């Protein structure tokens, strides 16, 4: 039981790190050189974390609105490996983690 919990935590942590790395790569491709202005800039990691949390928050709000509008009966918590997780929050963070990879696939197929 403890080994599976540790493995689950490591997989979640690894997927977050890889997603943040992908977000940093996309952000650096879009950024311009603002050093000439002399303005302080946040780090690529902090920008990627803000982007991840913002994306997950937007997805969560959308899911809550859809669930309320359609009157779905969603359980309050789902227990996974000793963790009690809110289903909509879990789905939203999972989609936010997967979003940069889906974007890469979409852009890759578009330019082939």
PDB file of N, CA and C in Angstrom:
ATOM      1  N   UNK A   1       0.835  -1.190   0.000  1.00  0.00           N
ATOM      2  CA  UNK A   1       0.000   0.000   0.000  1.00  0.00           C
ATOM      3  C   UNK A   1       0.875   1.247   0.000  1.00  0.00           C
ATOM      4  N   UNK A   2       1.892   1.289   0.848  1.00  0.00           N
ATOM      5  CA  UNK A   2       2.759   2.462   0.917  1.00  0.00           C
ATOM      6  C   UNK A   2       3.601   2.609  -0.347  1.00  0.00           C
ATOM      7  N   UNK A   3       4.002   1.500  -0.944  1.00  0.00           N
ATOM      8  CA  UNK A   3       4.790   1.558  -2.171  1.00  0.00           C
ATOM      9  C   UNK A   3       3.957   2.115  -3.319  1.00  0.00           C
ATOM     10  N   UNK A   4       2.703   1.695  -3.400  1.00  0.00           N
ATOM     11  CA  UNK A   4       1.834   2.209  -4.459  1.00  0.00           C
ATOM     12  C   UNK A   4       1.540   3.689  -4.244  1.00  0.00           C
ATOM     13  N   UNK A   5       1.401   4.107  -3.007  1.00  0.00           N
ATOM     14  CA  UNK A   5       1.186   5.521  -2.706  1.00  0.00           C
ATOM     15  C   UNK A   5       2.407   6.340  -3.087  1.00  0.00           C
ATOM     16  N   UNK A   6       3.586   5.838  -2.778  1.00  0.00           N
ATOM     17  CA  UNK A   6       4.824   6.519  -3.138  1.00  0.00           C
ATOM     18  C   UNK A   6       4.979   6.583  -4.650  1.00  0.00           C
ATOM     19  N   UNK A   7       4.670   5.499  -5.327  1.00  0.00           N
ATOM     20  CA  UNK A   7       4.748   5.470  -6.785  1.00  0.00           C
ATOM     21  C   UNK A   7       3.767   6.458  -7.408  1.00  0.00           C
ATOM     22  N   UNK A   8       2.558   6.512  -6.882  1.00  0.00           N
ATOM     23  CA  UNK A   8       1.561   7.468  -7.361  1.00  0.00           C
ATOM     24  C   UNK A   8       2.045   8.905  -7.180  1.00  0.00           C
ATOM     25  N   UNK A   9       2.592   9.217  -6.018  1.00  0.00           N
ATOM     26  CA  UNK A   9       3.108  10.565  -5.758  1.00  0.00           C
ATOM     27  C   UNK A   9       4.263  10.910  -6.688  1.00  0.00           C
ATOM     28  N   UNK A  10       5.143   9.963  -6.937  1.00  0.00           N
ATOM     29  CA  UNK A  10       6.266  10.208  -7.842  1.00  0.00           C
ATOM     30  C   UNK A  10       5.800  10.439  -9.275  1.00  0.00           C
ATOM     31  N   UNK A  11       4.813   9.687  -9.717  1.00  0.00           N
ATOM     32  CA  UNK A  11       4.287   9.867 -11.070  1.00  0.00           C
ATOM     33  C   UNK A  11       3.631  11.239 -11.210  1.00  0.00           C
ATOM     34  N   UNK A  12       2.856  11.639 -10.211  1.00  0.00           N
ATOM     35  CA  UNK A  12       2.219  12.955 -10.254  1.00  0.00           C
ATOM     36  C   UNK A  12       3.272  14.053 -10.246  1.00  0.00           C
ATOM     37  N   UNK A  13       4.272  13.943  -9.389  1.00  0.00           N
ATOM     38  CA  UNK A  13       5.331  14.945  -9.313  1.00  0.00           C
ATOM     39  C   UNK A  13       6.121  15.015 -10.617  1.00  0.00           C
ATOM     40  N   UNK A  14       6.444  13.864 -11.185  1.00  0.00           N
ATOM     41  CA  UNK A  14       7.177  13.834 -12.448  1.00  0.00           C
ATOM     42  C   UNK A  14       6.362  14.454 -13.580  1.00  0.00           C
ATOM     43  N   UNK A  15       5.074  14.168 -13.626  1.00  0.00           N
ATOM     44  CA  UNK A  15       4.247  14.753 -14.684  1.00  0.00           C
ATOM     45  C   UNK A  15       4.133  16.266 -14.530  1.00  0.00           C
ATOM     46  N   UNK A  16       4.086  16.767 -13.311  1.00  0.00           N
ATOM     47  CA  UNK A  16       4.056  18.217 -13.095  1.00  0.00           C
ATOM     48  C   UNK A  16       5.364  18.843 -13.539  1.00  0.00           C
ATOM     49  N   UNK A  17       6.497  18.241 -13.198  1.00  0.00           N
ATOM     50  CA  UNK A  17       7.793  18.776 -13.584  1.00  0.00           C
ATOM     51  C   UNK A  17       7.949  18.802 -15.097  1.00  0.00           C
ATOM     52  N   UNK A  18       7.562  17.728 -15.757  1.00  0.00           N
ATOM     53  CA  UNK A  18       7.675  17.672 -17.214  1.00  0.00           C
ATOM     54  C   UNK A  18       6.738  18.695 -17.861  1.00  0.00           C
ATOM     55  N   UNK A  19       5.539  18.853 -17.320  1.00  0.00           N
ATOM     56  CA  UNK A  19       4.609  19.843 -17.847  1.00  0.00           C
ATOM     57  C   UNK A  19       5.150  21.258 -17.666  1.00  0.00           C
ATOM     58  N   UNK A  20       5.737  21.536 -16.510  1.00  0.00           N
ATOM     59  CA  UNK A  20       6.332  22.858 -16.282  1.00  0.00           C
ATOM     60  C   UNK A  20       7.485  23.103 -17.249  1.00  0.00           C
ATOM     61  N   UNK A  21       8.298  22.089 -17.494  1.00  0.00           N
ATOM     62  CA  UNK A  21       9.404  22.232 -18.438  1.00  0.00           C
ATOM     63  C   UNK A  21       8.903  22.564 -19.836  1.00  0.00           C
ATOM     64  N   UNK A  22       7.831  21.904 -20.241  1.00  0.00           N
ATOM     65  CA  UNK A  22       7.250  22.166 -21.557  1.00  0.00           C
ATOM     66  C   UNK A  22       6.671  23.584 -21.633  1.00  0.00           C
ATOM     67  N   UNK A  23       6.035  24.026 -20.555  1.00  0.00           N
ATOM     68  CA  UNK A  23       5.502  25.390 -20.520  1.00  0.00           C
ATOM     69  C   UNK A  23       6.629  26.425 -20.587  1.00  0.00           C
ATOM     70  N   UNK A  24       7.730  26.156 -19.910  1.00  0.00           N
ATOM     71  CA  UNK A  24       8.882  27.065 -19.960  1.00  0.00           C
ATOM     72  C   UNK A  24       9.417  27.143 -21.385  1.00  0.00           C
ATOM     73  N   UNK A  25       9.504  26.018 -22.059  1.00  0.00           N
ATOM     74  CA  UNK A  25       9.995  25.994 -23.434  1.00  0.00           C
ATOM     75  C   UNK A  25       9.094  26.817 -24.348  1.00  0.00           C
ATOM     76  N   UNK A  26       7.783  26.647 -24.221  1.00  0.00           N
ATOM     77  CA  UNK A  26       6.855  27.418 -25.047  1.00  0.00           C
ATOM     78  C   UNK A  26       6.928  28.908 -24.721  1.00  0.00           C
ATOM     79  N   UNK A  27       7.072  29.235 -23.444  1.00  0.00           N
ATOM     80  CA  UNK A  27       7.153  30.640 -23.043  1.00  0.00           C
ATOM     81  C   UNK A  27       8.417  31.290 -23.591  1.00  0.00           C
ATOM     82  N   UNK A  28       9.529  30.597 -23.563  1.00  0.00           N
ATOM     83  CA  UNK A  28      10.779  31.150 -24.065  1.00  0.00           C
ATOM     84  C   UNK A  28      10.733  31.345 -25.569  1.00  0.00           C
ATOM     85  N   UNK A  29       9.992  30.509 -26.270  1.00  0.00           N
ATOM     86  CA  UNK A  29       9.861  30.670 -27.711  1.00  0.00           C
ATOM     87  C   UNK A  29       9.059  31.935 -28.040  1.00  0.00           C
ATOM     88  N   UNK A  30       8.115  32.299 -27.167  1.00  0.00           N
ATOM     89  CA  UNK A  30       7.261  33.458 -27.418  1.00  0.00           C
ATOM     90  C   UNK A  30       7.826  34.758 -26.866  1.00  0.00           C
ATOM     91  N   UNK A  31       8.729  34.673 -25.910  1.00  0.00           N
ATOM     92  CA  UNK A  31       9.245  35.877 -25.255  1.00  0.00           C
ATOM     93  C   UNK A  31      10.144  36.697 -26.164  1.00  0.00           C
ATOM     94  N   UNK A  32      10.114  37.993 -25.931  1.00  0.00           N
ATOM     95  CA  UNK A  32      11.032  38.899 -26.594  1.00  0.00           C
ATOM     96  C   UNK A  32      12.099  39.294 -25.591  1.00  0.00           C
ATOM     97  N   UNK A  33      13.138  39.916 -26.062  1.00  0.00           N
ATOM     98  CA  UNK A  33      14.210  40.370 -25.182  1.00  0.00           C
ATOM     99  C   UNK A  33      13.834  41.746 -24.621  1.00  0.00           C
ATOM    100  N   UNK A  34      13.421  41.773 -23.367  1.00  0.00           N
ATOM    101  CA  UNK A  34      13.011  43.020 -22.726  1.00  0.00           C
ATOM    102  C   UNK A  34      14.116  43.585 -21.839  1.00  0.00           C
ATOM    103  N   UNK A  35      15.341  43.060 -21.948  1.00  0.00           N
ATOM    104  CA  UNK A  35      16.438  43.526 -21.105  1.00  0.00           C
ATOM    105  C   UNK A  35      16.802  44.982 -21.397  1.00  0.00           C
ATOM    106  N   UNK A  36      16.575  45.432 -22.603  1.00  0.00           N
ATOM    107  CA  UNK A  36      16.923  46.806 -22.965  1.00  0.00           C
ATOM    108  C   UNK A  36      16.092  47.813 -22.172  1.00  0.00           C
ATOM    109  N   UNK A  37      14.910  47.437 -21.752  1.00  0.00           N
ATOM    110  CA  UNK A  37      14.042  48.339 -21.000  1.00  0.00           C
ATOM    111  C   UNK A  37      14.555  48.492 -19.569  1.00  0.00           C
ATOM    112  N   UNK A  38      15.165  47.463 -19.034  1.00  0.00           N
ATOM    113  CA  UNK A  38      15.684  47.510 -17.673  1.00  0.00           C
ATOM    114  C   UNK A  38      14.672  47.124 -16.616  1.00  0.00           C
ATOM    115  N   UNK A  39      13.579  46.533 -17.025  1.00  0.00           N
ATOM    116  CA  UNK A  39      12.534  46.123 -16.107  1.00  0.00           C
ATOM    117  C   UNK A  39      12.848  44.747 -15.525  1.00  0.00           C
ATOM    118  N   UNK A  40      12.527  44.557 -14.254  1.00  0.00           N
ATOM    119  CA  UNK A  40      12.750  43.258 -13.627  1.00  0.00           C
ATOM    120  C   UNK A  40      11.779  42.240 -14.219  1.00  0.00           C
ATOM    121  N   UNK A  41      12.260  41.024 -14.451  1.00  0.00           N
ATOM    122  CA  UNK A  41      11.462  39.963 -15.045  1.00  0.00           C
ATOM    123  C   UNK A  41      11.399  38.781 -14.097  1.00  0.00           C
ATOM    124  N   UNK A  42      10.261  38.132 -14.075  1.00  0.00           N
ATOM    125  CA  UNK A  42      10.172  36.919 -13.274  1.00  0.00           C
ATOM    126  C   UNK A  42      10.847  35.778 -14.027  1.00  0.00           C
ATOM    127  N   UNK A  43      11.166  34.734 -13.299  1.00  0.00           N
ATOM    128  CA  UNK A  43      11.878  33.606 -13.899  1.00  0.00           C
ATOM    129  C   UNK A  43      10.937  32.775 -14.767  1.00  0.00           C
ATOM    130  N   UNK A  44      11.486  32.034 -15.716  1.00  0.00           N
ATOM    131  CA  UNK A  44      10.637  31.159 -16.545  1.00  0.00           C
ATOM    132  C   UNK A  44       9.873  30.121 -15.721  1.00  0.00           C
ATOM    133  N   UNK A  45      10.483  29.635 -14.638  1.00  0.00           N
ATOM    134  CA  UNK A  45       9.799  28.655 -13.795  1.00  0.00           C
ATOM    135  C   UNK A  45       8.586  29.273 -13.114  1.00  0.00           C
ATOM    136  N   UNK A  46       8.727  30.485 -12.568  1.00  0.00           N
ATOM    137  CA  UNK A  46       7.591  31.120 -11.902  1.00  0.00           C
ATOM    138  C   UNK A  46       6.485  31.429 -12.903  1.00  0.00           C
ATOM    139  N   UNK A  47       6.845  31.828 -14.119  1.00  0.00           N
ATOM    140  CA  UNK A  47       5.835  32.075 -15.148  1.00  0.00           C
ATOM    141  C   UNK A  47       5.117  30.787 -15.525  1.00  0.00           C
ATOM    142  N   UNK A  48       5.841  29.686 -15.601  1.00  0.00           N
ATOM    143  CA  UNK A  48       5.226  28.396 -15.943  1.00  0.00           C
ATOM    144  C   UNK A  48       4.285  27.925 -14.835  1.00  0.00           C
ATOM    145  N   UNK A  49       4.677  28.145 -13.583  1.00  0.00           N
ATOM    146  CA  UNK A  49       3.811  27.745 -12.461  1.00  0.00           C
ATOM    147  C   UNK A  49       2.540  28.583 -12.461  1.00  0.00           C
ATOM    148  N   UNK A  50       2.678  29.890 -12.670  1.00  0.00           N
ATOM    149  CA  UNK A  50       1.501  30.768 -12.735  1.00  0.00           C
ATOM    150  C   UNK A  50       0.592  30.339 -13.881  1.00  0.00           C
ATOM    151  N   UNK A  51       1.185  30.002 -15.015  1.00  0.00           N
ATOM    152  CA  UNK A  51       0.417  29.548 -16.173  1.00  0.00           C
ATOM    153  C   UNK A  51      -0.320  28.247 -15.858  1.00  0.00           C
ATOM    154  N   UNK A  52       0.356  27.300 -15.209  1.00  0.00           N
ATOM    155  CA  UNK A  52      -0.258  26.020 -14.854  1.00  0.00           C
ATOM    156  C   UNK A  52      -1.430  26.218 -13.901  1.00  0.00           C
ATOM    157  N   UNK A  53      -1.231  27.018 -12.864  1.00  0.00           N
ATOM    158  CA  UNK A  53      -2.286  27.246 -11.871  1.00  0.00           C
ATOM    159  C   UNK A  53      -3.448  28.013 -12.503  1.00  0.00           C
ATOM    160  N   UNK A  54      -3.142  28.991 -13.349  1.00  0.00           N
ATOM    161  CA  UNK A  54      -4.201  29.746 -14.017  1.00  0.00           C
ATOM    162  C   UNK A  54      -5.021  28.889 -14.955  1.00  0.00           C
ATOM    163  N   UNK A  55      -4.355  28.040 -15.711  1.00  0.00           N
ATOM    164  CA  UNK A  55      -5.055  27.138 -16.622  1.00  0.00           C
ATOM    165  C   UNK A  55      -5.934  26.163 -15.845  1.00  0.00           C
ATOM    166  N   UNK A  56      -5.381  25.585 -14.777  1.00  0.00           N
ATOM    167  CA  UNK A  56      -6.153  24.645 -13.958  1.00  0.00           C
ATOM    168  C   UNK A  56      -7.350  25.344 -13.319  1.00  0.00           C
ATOM    169  N   UNK A  57      -7.171  26.573 -12.874  1.00  0.00           N
ATOM    170  CA  UNK A  57      -8.278  27.323 -12.273  1.00  0.00           C
ATOM    171  C   UNK A  57      -9.381  27.610 -13.273  1.00  0.00           C
ATOM    172  N   UNK A  58      -9.004  27.981 -14.490  1.00  0.00           N
ATOM    173  CA  UNK A  58     -10.006  28.225 -15.526  1.00  0.00           C
ATOM    174  C   UNK A  58     -10.774  26.968 -15.889  1.00  0.00           C
ATOM    175  N   UNK A  59     -10.060  25.862 -15.997  1.00  0.00           N
ATOM    176  CA  UNK A  59     -10.720  24.582 -16.303  1.00  0.00           C
ATOM    177  C   UNK A  59     -11.655  24.193 -15.163  1.00  0.00           C
ATOM    178  N   UNK A  60     -11.195  24.399 -13.919  1.00  0.00           N
ATOM    179  CA  UNK A  60     -12.013  24.048 -12.751  1.00  0.00           C
ATOM    180  C   UNK A  60     -13.311  24.856 -12.739  1.00  0.00           C
ATOM    181  N   UNK A  61     -13.203  26.163 -12.966  1.00  0.00           N
ATOM    182  CA  UNK A  61     -14.409  26.990 -12.981  1.00  0.00           C
ATOM    183  C   UNK A  61     -15.372  26.549 -14.086  1.00  0.00           C
ATOM    184  N   UNK A  62     -14.834  26.222 -15.243  1.00  0.00           N
ATOM    185  CA  UNK A  62     -15.677  25.747 -16.342  1.00  0.00           C
ATOM    186  C   UNK A  62     -16.370  24.437 -15.984  1.00  0.00           C
ATOM    187  N   UNK A  63     -15.641  23.527 -15.373  1.00  0.00           N
ATOM    188  CA  UNK A  63     -16.239  22.242 -14.984  1.00  0.00           C
ATOM    189  C   UNK A  63     -17.318  22.427 -13.918  1.00  0.00           C
ATOM    190  N   UNK A  64     -17.086  23.326 -12.974  1.00  0.00           N
ATOM    191  CA  UNK A  64     -18.089  23.589 -11.936  1.00  0.00           C
ATOM    192  C   UNK A  64     -19.349  24.188 -12.558  1.00  0.00           C
ATOM    193  N   UNK A  65     -19.172  25.114 -13.510  1.00  0.00           N
ATOM    194  CA  UNK A  65     -20.339  25.704 -14.175  1.00  0.00           C
ATOM    195  C   UNK A  65     -21.122  24.662 -14.964  1.00  0.00           C
ATOM    196  N   UNK A  66     -20.413  23.800 -15.692  1.00  0.00           N
ATOM    197  CA  UNK A  66     -21.089  22.743 -16.459  1.00  0.00           C
ATOM    198  C   UNK A  66     -21.806  21.784 -15.513  1.00  0.00           C
ATOM    199  N   UNK A  67     -21.142  21.408 -14.434  1.00  0.00           N
ATOM    200  CA  UNK A  67     -21.736  20.485 -13.464  1.00  0.00           C
ATOM    201  C   UNK A  67     -22.974  21.103 -12.818  1.00  0.00           C
ATOM    202  N   UNK A  68     -22.924  22.375 -12.504  1.00  0.00           N
ATOM    203  CA  UNK A  68     -24.071  23.054 -11.906  1.00  0.00           C
ATOM    204  C   UNK A  68     -25.204  23.201 -12.920  1.00  0.00           C
ATOM    205  N   UNK A  69     -24.867  23.593 -14.134  1.00  0.00           N
ATOM    206  CA  UNK A  69     -25.879  23.802 -15.165  1.00  0.00           C
ATOM    207  C   UNK A  69     -26.591  22.499 -15.522  1.00  0.00           C
ATOM    208  N   UNK A  70     -25.844  21.438 -15.688  1.00  0.00           N
ATOM    209  CA  UNK A  70     -26.434  20.150 -16.069  1.00  0.00           C
ATOM    210  C   UNK A  70     -26.910  19.342 -14.872  1.00  0.00           C
ATOM    211  N   UNK A  71     -26.670  19.857 -13.676  1.00  0.00           N
ATOM    212  CA  UNK A  71     -27.082  19.222 -12.418  1.00  0.00           C
ATOM    213  C   UNK A  71     -26.568  17.792 -12.281  1.00  0.00           C
ATOM    214  N   UNK A  72     -25.292  17.610 -12.628  1.00  0.00           N
ATOM    215  CA  UNK A  72     -24.655  16.306 -12.416  1.00  0.00           C
ATOM    216  C   UNK A  72     -24.455  16.091 -10.931  1.00  0.00           C
ATOM    217  N   UNK A  73     -24.572  14.855 -10.514  1.00  0.00           N
ATOM    218  CA  UNK A  73     -24.325  14.501  -9.118  1.00  0.00           C
ATOM    219  C   UNK A  73     -22.908  13.946  -9.030  1.00  0.00           C
ATOM    220  N   UNK A  74     -21.965  14.783  -8.621  1.00  0.00           N
ATOM    221  CA  UNK A  74     -20.555  14.412  -8.535  1.00  0.00           C
ATOM    222  C   UNK A  74     -20.223  14.141  -7.070  1.00  0.00           C
ATOM    223  N   UNK A  75     -19.532  13.043  -6.766  1.00  0.00           N
ATOM    224  CA  UNK A  75     -19.167  12.794  -5.373  1.00  0.00           C
ATOM    225  C   UNK A  75     -18.256  13.888  -4.840  1.00  0.00           C
ATOM    226  N   UNK A  76     -18.365  14.139  -3.552  1.00  0.00           N
ATOM    227  CA  UNK A  76     -17.572  15.203  -2.932  1.00  0.00           C
ATOM    228  C   UNK A  76     -16.086  14.873  -2.974  1.00  0.00           C
ATOM    229  N   UNK A  77     -15.727  13.635  -2.690  1.00  0.00           N
ATOM    230  CA  UNK A  77     -14.331  13.208  -2.705  1.00  0.00           C
ATOM    231  C   UNK A  77     -14.220  11.831  -3.336  1.00  0.00           C
ATOM    232  N   UNK A  78     -13.060  11.591  -3.955  1.00  0.00           N
ATOM    233  CA  UNK A  78     -12.719  10.270  -4.472  1.00  0.00           C
ATOM    234  C   UNK A  78     -11.431   9.864  -3.777  1.00  0.00           C
ATOM    235  N   UNK A  79     -11.395   8.674  -3.232  1.00  0.00           N
ATOM    236  CA  UNK A  79     -10.210   8.206  -2.504  1.00  0.00           C
ATOM    237  C   UNK A  79      -9.309   7.413  -3.447  1.00  0.00           C
ATOM    238  N   UNK A  80      -8.070   7.890  -3.611  1.00  0.00           N
ATOM    239  CA  UNK A  80      -7.087   7.243  -4.470  1.00  0.00           C
ATOM    240  C   UNK A  80      -5.794   7.090  -3.678  1.00  0.00           C
ATOM    241  N   UNK A  81      -5.414   5.861  -3.405  1.00  0.00           N
ATOM    242  CA  UNK A  81      -4.154   5.584  -2.733  1.00  0.00           C
ATOM    243  C   UNK A  81      -3.992   6.292  -1.402  1.00  0.00           C
ATOM    244  N   UNK A  82      -5.038   6.411  -0.622  1.00  0.00           N
ATOM    245  CA  UNK A  82      -4.941   7.060   0.670  1.00  0.00           C
ATOM    246  C   UNK A  82      -5.183   8.566   0.627  1.00  0.00           C
ATOM    247  N   UNK A  83      -5.361   9.123  -0.564  1.00  0.00           N
ATOM    248  CA  UNK A  83      -5.665  10.548  -0.716  1.00  0.00           C
ATOM    249  C   UNK A  83      -7.154  10.722  -0.967  1.00  0.00           C
ATOM    250  N   UNK A  84      -7.734  11.759  -0.390  1.00  0.00           N
ATOM    251  CA  UNK A  84      -9.111  12.132  -0.700  1.00  0.00           C
ATOM    252  C   UNK A  84      -9.039  13.316  -1.653  1.00  0.00           C
ATOM    253  N   UNK A  85      -9.429  13.096  -2.902  1.00  0.00           N
ATOM    254  CA  UNK A  85      -9.314  14.117  -3.937  1.00  0.00           C
ATOM    255  C   UNK A  85     -10.693  14.574  -4.385  1.00  0.00           C
ATOM    256  N   UNK A  86     -10.815  15.873  -4.649  1.00  0.00           N
ATOM    257  CA  UNK A  86     -12.044  16.386  -5.229  1.00  0.00           C
ATOM    258  C   UNK A  86     -12.005  16.073  -6.729  1.00  0.00           C
ATOM    259  N   UNK A  87     -13.026  15.421  -7.264  1.00  0.00           N
ATOM    260  CA  UNK A  87     -12.968  14.967  -8.657  1.00  0.00           C
ATOM    261  C   UNK A  87     -12.767  16.093  -9.674  1.00  0.00           C
ATOM    262  N   UNK A  88     -13.494  17.188  -9.555  1.00  0.00           N
ATOM    263  CA  UNK A  88     -13.367  18.260 -10.540  1.00  0.00           C
ATOM    264  C   UNK A  88     -12.000  18.931 -10.476  1.00  0.00           C
ATOM    265  N   UNK A  89     -11.469  19.100  -9.271  1.00  0.00           N
ATOM    266  CA  UNK A  89     -10.134  19.688  -9.134  1.00  0.00           C
ATOM    267  C   UNK A  89      -9.069  18.753  -9.698  1.00  0.00           C
ATOM    268  N   UNK A  90      -9.241  17.462  -9.481  1.00  0.00           N
ATOM    269  CA  UNK A  90      -8.285  16.487 -10.000  1.00  0.00           C
ATOM    270  C   UNK A  90      -8.305  16.457 -11.524  1.00  0.00           C
ATOM    271  N   UNK A  91      -9.495  16.493 -12.104  1.00  0.00           N
ATOM    272  CA  UNK A  91      -9.606  16.514 -13.563  1.00  0.00           C
ATOM    273  C   UNK A  91      -8.998  17.787 -14.128  1.00  0.00           C
ATOM    274  N   UNK A  92      -9.248  18.913 -13.482  1.00  0.00           N
ATOM    275  CA  UNK A  92      -8.745  20.186 -14.006  1.00  0.00           C
ATOM    276  C   UNK A  92      -7.221  20.257 -13.939  1.00  0.00           C
ATOM    277  N   UNK A  93      -6.611  19.782 -12.862  1.00  0.00           N
ATOM    278  CA  UNK A  93      -5.136  19.823 -12.784  1.00  0.00           C
ATOM    279  C   UNK A  93      -4.532  18.818 -13.760  1.00  0.00           C
ATOM    280  N   UNK A  94      -5.186  17.671 -13.957  1.00  0.00           N
ATOM    281  CA  UNK A  94      -4.679  16.689 -14.922  1.00  0.00           C
ATOM    282  C   UNK A  94      -4.745  17.248 -16.346  1.00  0.00           C
ATOM    283  N   UNK A  95      -5.830  17.925 -16.691  1.00  0.00           N
ATOM    284  CA  UNK A  95      -5.937  18.533 -18.015  1.00  0.00           C
ATOM    285  C   UNK A  95      -4.940  19.673 -18.194  1.00  0.00           C
ATOM    286  N   UNK A  96      -4.713  20.443 -17.131  1.00  0.00           N
ATOM    287  CA  UNK A  96      -3.739  21.536 -17.214  1.00  0.00           C
ATOM    288  C   UNK A  96      -2.321  20.994 -17.378  1.00  0.00           C
ATOM    289  N   UNK A  97      -2.025  19.872 -16.757  1.00  0.00           N
ATOM    290  CA  UNK A  97      -0.707  19.253 -16.906  1.00  0.00           C
ATOM    291  C   UNK A  97      -0.536  18.726 -18.330  1.00  0.00           C
ATOM    292  N   UNK A  98      -1.591  18.159 -18.890  1.00  0.00           N
ATOM    293  CA  UNK A  98      -1.509  17.571 -20.231  1.00  0.00           C
ATOM    294  C   UNK A  98      -1.600  18.610 -21.347  1.00  0.00           C
ATOM    295  N   UNK A  99      -2.051  19.818 -21.066  1.00  0.00           N
ATOM    296  CA  UNK A  99      -2.298  20.828 -22.085  1.00  0.00           C
ATOM    297  C   UNK A  99      -1.091  21.167 -22.949  1.00  0.00           C
ATOM    298  N   UNK A 100       0.122  21.368 -22.405  1.00  0.00           N
ATOM    299  CA  UNK A 100       1.235  21.705 -23.294  1.00  0.00           C
ATOM    300  C   UNK A 100       1.603  20.576 -24.259  1.00  0.00           C
ATOM    301  N   UNK A 101       1.386  19.344 -23.854  1.00  0.00           N
ATOM    302  CA  UNK A 101       1.684  18.217 -24.726  1.00  0.00           C
ATOM    303  C   UNK A 101       0.645  18.122 -25.841  1.00  0.00           C
ATOM    304  N   UNK A 102      -0.610  18.390 -25.507  1.00  0.00           N
ATOM    305  CA  UNK A 102      -1.653  18.412 -26.527  1.00  0.00           C
ATOM    306  C   UNK A 102      -1.401  19.550 -27.515  1.00  0.00           C
ATOM    307  N   UNK A 103      -0.937  20.676 -27.013  1.00  0.00           N
ATOM    308  CA  UNK A 103      -0.607  21.804 -27.890  1.00  0.00           C
ATOM    309  C   UNK A 103       0.528  21.434 -28.832  1.00  0.00           C
ATOM    310  N   UNK A 104       1.530  20.759 -28.313  1.00  0.00           N
ATOM    311  CA  UNK A 104       2.651  20.336 -29.153  1.00  0.00           C
ATOM    312  C   UNK A 104       2.181  19.383 -30.252  1.00  0.00           C
ATOM    313  N   UNK A 105       1.315  18.430 -29.908  1.00  0.00           N
ATOM    314  CA  UNK A 105       0.781  17.510 -30.914  1.00  0.00           C
ATOM    315  C   UNK A 105      -0.057  18.250 -31.946  1.00  0.00           C
ATOM    316  N   UNK A 106      -0.881  19.181 -31.490  1.00  0.00           N
ATOM    317  CA  UNK A 106      -1.740  19.938 -32.388  1.00  0.00           C
ATOM    318  C   UNK A 106      -0.917  20.769 -33.364  1.00  0.00           C
ATOM    319  N   UNK A 107       0.078  21.485 -32.850  1.00  0.00           N
ATOM    320  CA  UNK A 107       0.914  22.328 -33.701  1.00  0.00           C
ATOM    321  C   UNK A 107       1.767  21.454 -34.617  1.00  0.00           C
ATOM    322  N   UNK A 108       2.259  20.336 -34.125  1.00  0.00           N
ATOM    323  CA  UNK A 108       3.060  19.433 -34.944  1.00  0.00           C
ATOM    324  C   UNK A 108       2.279  18.862 -36.123  1.00  0.00           C
ATOM    325  N   UNK A 109       1.029  18.470 -35.894  1.00  0.00           N
ATOM    326  CA  UNK A 109       0.206  17.944 -36.981  1.00  0.00           C
ATOM    327  C   UNK A 109      -0.215  19.038 -37.948  1.00  0.00           C
ATOM    328  N   UNK A 110      -0.344  20.234 -37.444  1.00  0.00           N
ATOM    329  CA  UNK A 110      -0.795  21.351 -38.262  1.00  0.00           C
ATOM    330  C   UNK A 110       0.257  21.770 -39.301  1.00  0.00           C
ATOM    331  N   UNK A 111       1.519  21.667 -38.931  1.00  0.00           N
ATOM    332  CA  UNK A 111       2.593  22.112 -39.820  1.00  0.00           C
ATOM    333  C   UNK A 111       3.251  20.978 -40.585  1.00  0.00           C
ATOM    334  N   UNK A 112       2.670  19.806 -40.588  1.00  0.00           N
ATOM    335  CA  UNK A 112       3.250  18.686 -41.351  1.00  0.00           C
ATOM    336  C   UNK A 112       2.700  18.625 -42.724  1.00  0.00           C
TER     337      UNK A 112
END
